[in-house]
Structure formats: C-alpha cells, structure tokens
Protein backbone atom coordinates (compact mmCIF):
# COMPACT_ATOMS: atom_id res chain seq x y z
CA MET A 1 0.54 -29.25 -14.22
CA ILE A 2 0.59 -26.20 -11.93
CA LYS A 3 4.05 -25.14 -10.80
CA LYS A 4 4.53 -24.70 -7.09
CA THR A 5 5.49 -21.10 -6.25
CA THR A 6 6.21 -19.13 -3.11
CA TRP A 7 4.10 -16.15 -4.22
CA ARG A 8 1.60 -14.82 -1.69
CA PRO A 9 -0.80 -11.90 -2.07
CA LEU A 10 0.79 -10.28 1.00
CA PRO A 11 4.19 -10.77 2.60
CA ASP A 12 4.21 -12.93 5.76
CA PHE A 13 4.59 -9.86 8.01
CA LEU A 14 1.10 -8.60 6.98
CA THR A 15 -2.43 -9.99 7.12
CA ILE A 16 -5.95 -8.81 6.36
CA LYS A 17 -8.61 -8.82 9.05
CA GLU A 18 -11.58 -6.82 10.31
CA SER A 19 -10.81 -3.15 10.94
CA LYS A 20 -12.30 -0.76 13.48
CA ILE A 21 -11.84 1.99 10.87
CA GLU A 22 -13.67 0.50 7.87
CA GLY A 23 -14.43 -3.02 6.69
CA LEU A 24 -11.18 -4.95 6.34
CA GLY A 25 -7.69 -3.58 6.90
CA VAL A 26 -4.02 -4.56 6.70
CA PHE A 27 -2.35 -5.51 10.00
CA ALA A 28 1.23 -6.29 11.05
CA THR A 29 1.84 -9.91 12.10
CA ARG A 30 5.14 -8.93 13.75
CA ASP A 31 6.84 -5.75 14.96
CA LEU A 32 8.05 -3.55 12.08
CA PRO A 33 10.70 -0.83 12.54
CA GLU A 34 10.39 2.81 11.45
CA GLY A 35 11.33 3.15 7.78
CA PHE A 36 10.38 -0.45 7.01
CA ASP A 37 9.39 -1.00 3.35
CA LEU A 38 6.06 -2.86 3.30
CA GLY A 39 6.11 -3.24 -0.48
CA ILE A 40 4.31 -2.05 -3.61
CA SER A 41 0.64 -1.08 -3.35
CA HIS A 42 -0.04 0.20 -6.90
CA ILE A 43 1.60 -0.05 -10.34
CA PHE A 44 0.86 2.70 -12.84
CA ASP A 45 -0.40 1.43 -16.19
CA GLU A 46 -2.45 3.59 -18.56
CA ARG A 47 -4.26 0.53 -19.96
CA PHE A 48 -6.22 0.05 -16.72
CA PRO A 49 -9.12 2.08 -15.32
CA ASP A 50 -7.80 5.08 -13.36
CA GLY A 51 -4.33 4.42 -14.80
CA TYR A 52 -3.06 1.95 -12.22
CA ILE A 53 -3.20 -1.65 -11.06
CA ARG A 54 -4.02 -1.93 -7.36
CA LEU A 55 -2.20 -4.82 -5.68
CA PRO A 56 -3.51 -6.64 -2.55
CA LEU A 57 -1.56 -4.29 -0.27
CA GLY A 58 -3.19 -1.25 -1.89
CA GLY A 59 -6.67 -2.71 -1.81
CA PHE A 60 -7.07 -3.00 1.96
CA ILE A 61 -5.11 -0.13 3.55
CA ASN A 62 -7.45 2.23 5.39
CA HIS A 63 -7.27 6.02 5.64
CA HIS A 64 -6.56 7.75 8.95
CA GLU A 65 -5.76 11.38 9.74
CA ILE A 66 -2.86 10.23 11.94
CA PRO A 67 -1.07 7.68 9.72
CA ASN A 68 1.64 5.22 10.77
CA CYS A 69 2.79 4.71 7.15
CA LYS A 70 3.25 6.79 4.03
CA ALA A 71 2.91 6.17 0.32
CA ILE A 72 5.94 6.91 -1.84
CA VAL A 73 5.68 7.37 -5.62
CA ALA A 74 8.74 5.85 -7.33
CA ASP A 75 9.94 5.22 -10.88
CA GLN A 76 12.38 2.40 -10.09
CA ASP A 77 12.26 -0.84 -8.14
CA LYS A 78 15.50 -2.51 -7.03
CA GLU A 79 14.31 -5.94 -8.25
CA MET A 80 12.18 -5.02 -11.28
CA GLY A 81 14.03 -1.97 -12.61
CA LYS A 82 12.06 0.81 -14.29
CA LEU A 83 8.53 0.64 -12.89
CA ARG A 84 6.34 3.61 -11.90
CA HIS A 85 4.65 2.53 -8.69
CA ILE A 86 3.53 3.43 -5.18
CA ARG A 87 5.14 1.69 -2.23
CA ILE A 88 4.32 1.85 1.47
CA GLU A 89 6.84 2.73 4.19
CA ALA A 90 6.45 2.82 7.98
CA LEU A 91 6.62 6.34 9.46
CA GLN A 92 7.19 4.93 12.95
CA PRO A 93 7.64 1.55 14.62
CA ILE A 94 4.52 -0.60 14.12
CA ALA A 95 3.66 -3.19 16.76
CA GLU A 96 2.43 -6.69 15.98
CA GLY A 97 -1.36 -6.55 15.58
CA GLN A 98 -1.42 -2.83 14.74
CA GLU A 99 -3.34 -1.72 11.63
CA ILE A 100 -1.38 -0.20 8.74
CA ILE A 101 -2.94 3.21 8.06
CA ILE A 102 -2.19 5.98 5.57
CA LYS A 103 -3.57 9.47 5.07
CA TYR A 104 -4.72 9.52 1.45
CA ILE A 105 -7.20 10.87 -1.08
CA ILE A 106 -9.68 8.44 -2.68
CA ASN A 107 -10.99 8.95 -6.21
CA LYS A 108 -11.61 12.68 -6.35
CA LEU A 109 -13.92 12.78 -9.35
CA ASP A 110 -13.52 16.54 -9.72
CA ASN A 111 -9.73 16.13 -9.99
CA PRO A 112 -8.49 13.94 -12.88
CA ASN A 113 -5.02 13.79 -11.28
CA TRP A 114 -6.19 12.47 -7.90
CA GLU A 115 -3.97 9.39 -8.09
CA PHE A 116 -0.87 11.60 -8.18
CA GLU A 117 -1.97 13.22 -4.90
CA TYR A 118 -1.86 9.87 -3.07
CA GLU A 119 1.36 10.87 -1.31
CA ILE A 120 0.83 14.63 -1.25
CA SER A 121 -1.99 14.50 1.29
CA GLN A 122 0.28 13.07 3.97
C-alpha cells in the first residue's frame, strides 16, 4: 500500500509553465516578499554526475542578466542539519505570475569548478 504524503515537487507558491525566456520556467503563484526563501535547488553529492542532485526547483529556473532571485551556497539546513546545498532567495518583491530568474553559469566545460560559481556570477 502506498502511504499518502504531502510532498510536492514544488511548494504551493511556485509553479512551472511556459517561459518567454526559454522553454519552461518557474513562476510565483502568489506575491513573495524580498528575502523570501524559495527553497533548495541543488544538493551536493559526489556520487552523482557533476557532483550534485538537481531538485525540481533547480531544473526549471531560467537565467537572466537582471535577476529577481539569487542562489546561496550553504552547508546547513535548519530542518535537515548538515547538508551542502544551493537555495534560492528573492532579491526583491516578486509579484504573482512573475517568473523566478537568476543570473548563473551553466556547465562551463573548460572550468571543472563551474558549479561553485553558481552564486558568484550574480
């Protein structure tokens, strides 16, 4: 028997839909204040390709030169304890329907440490 859970791939304040930037994107389903923590986008784990596990939030956020959010590399999570990860935080108020966008570097093959520059490019 499958247990009923409340887990969702994205929190209820976010959704995925068509983006004007590229393919699909992450959008706010309600107004979000500046500094709002949108959650974890990546978990570092050396056993996986590129050294991380990309979560649903990290898989659909599009790049933009003028971001409304930033990626923060952290070693602790208040609920899970020690956990090297990347989380997303709003740089400004985000209106309902607005796309979540971050300025980031994608898979720089000439730089083996590209994943650690995720936040630096902002």
